[in-house]
Protein backbone atom coordinates (compact mmCIF):
# COMPACT_ATOMS: atom_id res chain seq x y z
CA MET A 1 -0.07 -0.04 0.00
CA ARG A 2 2.86 2.34 0.85
CA ASP A 3 4.41 1.70 -2.64
CA ALA A 4 1.11 2.38 -4.33
CA GLU A 5 0.90 5.72 -2.50
CA LEU A 6 4.50 6.42 -3.55
CA LEU A 7 3.66 5.66 -7.19
CA ARG A 8 0.54 7.99 -7.06
CA ASP A 9 2.66 10.75 -5.67
CA TYR A 10 5.39 10.24 -8.15
CA ARG A 11 3.03 10.29 -11.10
CA LYS A 12 1.47 13.59 -9.78
CA LYS A 13 4.90 15.22 -9.45
CA LEU A 14 6.10 13.92 -12.75
CA GLY A 15 2.86 15.29 -14.37
CA GLU A 16 3.57 18.70 -12.87
CA ALA A 17 7.16 18.59 -14.19
CA MET A 18 6.03 17.63 -17.65
CA LYS A 19 3.84 20.75 -17.92
CA GLY A 20 7.01 22.81 -17.48
CA ASP A 21 9.46 23.40 -20.32
CA GLY A 22 12.59 22.30 -18.33
CA VAL A 23 14.56 19.18 -18.36
CA ILE A 24 12.88 16.32 -16.40
CA ASN A 25 15.26 14.74 -13.79
CA ARG A 26 13.59 11.75 -12.44
CA MET A 27 16.00 11.40 -9.47
CA LYS A 28 15.26 14.98 -8.48
CA ILE A 29 11.55 14.44 -8.73
CA ILE A 30 11.84 11.23 -6.57
CA GLU A 31 13.79 13.16 -3.95
CA GLU A 32 11.13 15.82 -3.94
CA VAL A 33 8.43 13.21 -3.53
CA LEU A 34 10.21 11.49 -0.67
CA ALA A 35 10.83 14.83 1.19
CA GLU A 36 7.28 16.40 0.48
CA GLY A 37 5.08 13.34 0.50
CA ARG A 38 2.84 12.76 3.58
CA PRO A 39 2.12 9.05 3.49
CA ARG A 40 0.28 6.98 6.01
CA TYR A 41 2.31 4.83 8.44
CA TYR A 42 2.10 1.38 7.07
CA LEU A 43 3.20 -0.56 10.17
CA GLN A 44 1.94 -3.40 12.29
CA PHE A 45 0.56 -2.29 15.57
CA THR A 46 2.49 -4.93 17.58
CA GLN A 47 5.84 -3.87 16.07
CA ALA A 48 5.19 -0.24 16.53
CA TYR A 49 4.06 -0.79 20.21
CA ASN A 50 7.24 -2.78 20.96
CA VAL A 51 9.42 -0.14 19.50
CA MET A 52 7.62 2.71 21.34
CA SER A 53 8.10 0.68 24.58
CA ARG A 54 11.75 0.28 23.78
CA ILE A 55 12.22 4.03 23.14
CA ASN A 56 10.52 4.76 26.43
CA HIS A 57 12.86 2.59 28.31
CA ARG A 58 16.11 2.99 26.38
CA GLY A 59 15.77 5.58 23.71
CA ILE A 60 17.10 5.03 20.22
CA THR A 61 20.18 2.98 20.23
CA GLY A 62 22.97 2.95 17.49
CA ARG A 63 25.40 5.43 16.24
CA LYS A 64 23.52 6.74 13.25
CA LEU A 65 19.99 8.25 13.08
CA THR A 66 18.79 6.14 10.24
CA LEU A 67 15.60 6.94 8.26
CA LYS A 68 13.93 4.08 10.14
CA ASN A 69 14.88 5.53 13.52
CA ARG A 70 13.82 8.98 12.53
CA MET A 71 10.38 7.55 11.60
CA TRP A 72 10.19 5.87 14.99
CA LEU A 73 11.15 9.10 16.79
CA GLU A 74 8.42 10.94 14.85
CA ILE A 75 5.88 8.44 15.84
CA HIS A 76 7.03 8.44 19.45
CA GLY A 77 6.76 12.23 19.61
CA LYS A 78 3.21 12.12 18.20
CA VAL A 79 2.23 9.40 20.72
CA LYS A 80 3.67 11.40 23.55
CA GLN A 81 1.92 14.64 22.34
CA MET A 82 -1.41 12.78 21.96
CA MET A 83 -1.14 11.46 25.61
CA ALA A 84 -0.29 14.88 26.84
CA GLU A 85 -3.24 16.48 25.07
CA ASN A 86 -5.68 13.70 26.12
CA GLU A 87 -5.71 13.20 29.91
CA GLY A 88 -5.82 9.60 30.87
CA MET A 89 -4.99 8.26 27.42
CA VAL A 90 -2.61 5.29 27.54
CA MET A 91 0.11 4.53 25.04
CA HIS A 92 -1.73 1.84 23.12
CA GLU A 93 -4.73 4.08 22.48
CA ALA A 94 -2.50 6.97 21.34
CA LEU A 95 -0.43 4.70 19.12
CA THR A 96 -3.61 3.34 17.52
CA ARG A 97 -4.80 6.88 16.70
CA VAL A 98 -1.34 7.91 15.32
CA LEU A 99 -1.08 4.83 13.11
CA PHE A 100 -4.68 5.03 11.96
CA ASP A 101 -5.20 8.68 11.48
CA GLY A 102 -1.73 10.13 11.31
CA ARG A 103 0.39 10.93 8.35
CA ALA A 104 4.17 10.77 8.24
CA SER A 105 6.09 14.04 7.61
CA ARG A 106 7.85 12.39 4.68
CA TYR A 107 8.46 8.99 3.09
CA TYR A 108 10.95 7.02 5.20
CA ILE A 109 12.55 5.07 2.48
CA SER A 110 15.86 5.59 0.54
CA PRO A 111 15.99 7.42 -2.72
CA GLN A 112 17.62 4.28 -4.18
CA TYR A 113 14.78 1.96 -3.14
CA ALA A 114 12.17 4.41 -4.49
CA TYR A 115 14.07 4.88 -7.78
CA ARG A 116 14.20 0.97 -8.28
CA TYR A 117 10.58 0.50 -7.31
CA LEU A 118 9.39 3.34 -9.47
CA TYR A 119 11.52 2.35 -12.50
CA GLU A 120 10.01 -1.18 -12.39
CA ALA A 121 6.49 0.14 -11.78
CA VAL A 122 6.53 2.65 -14.53
CA LYS A 123 8.10 0.23 -16.91
CA ASN A 124 5.36 -2.27 -16.53
């Protein structure tokens, strides 16, 4: 489902670029889609709950702040904010709302993956 949303956003951005008279750079368009897109969170609740619990207890571990870790921190922030705004709300309720109603601030996938996926999808 995430990839279908990515393809839709790419086609929209490509269509906008084709209306102009400049050179079309697919990689630039893909990078714009990844940065500007607002996809849903396509995650399993159990996995997300386990990661939220782990962040609550240990924070994010690892040397680099990967795209995946940035996504988890974004979700964690939204869950904490929702709990703060709704007195008595527990983490699993807030997480359910964030995953069901929320939108990510960007696509949390690499430009290389997106390029390969979109190349195959558009080719077929």
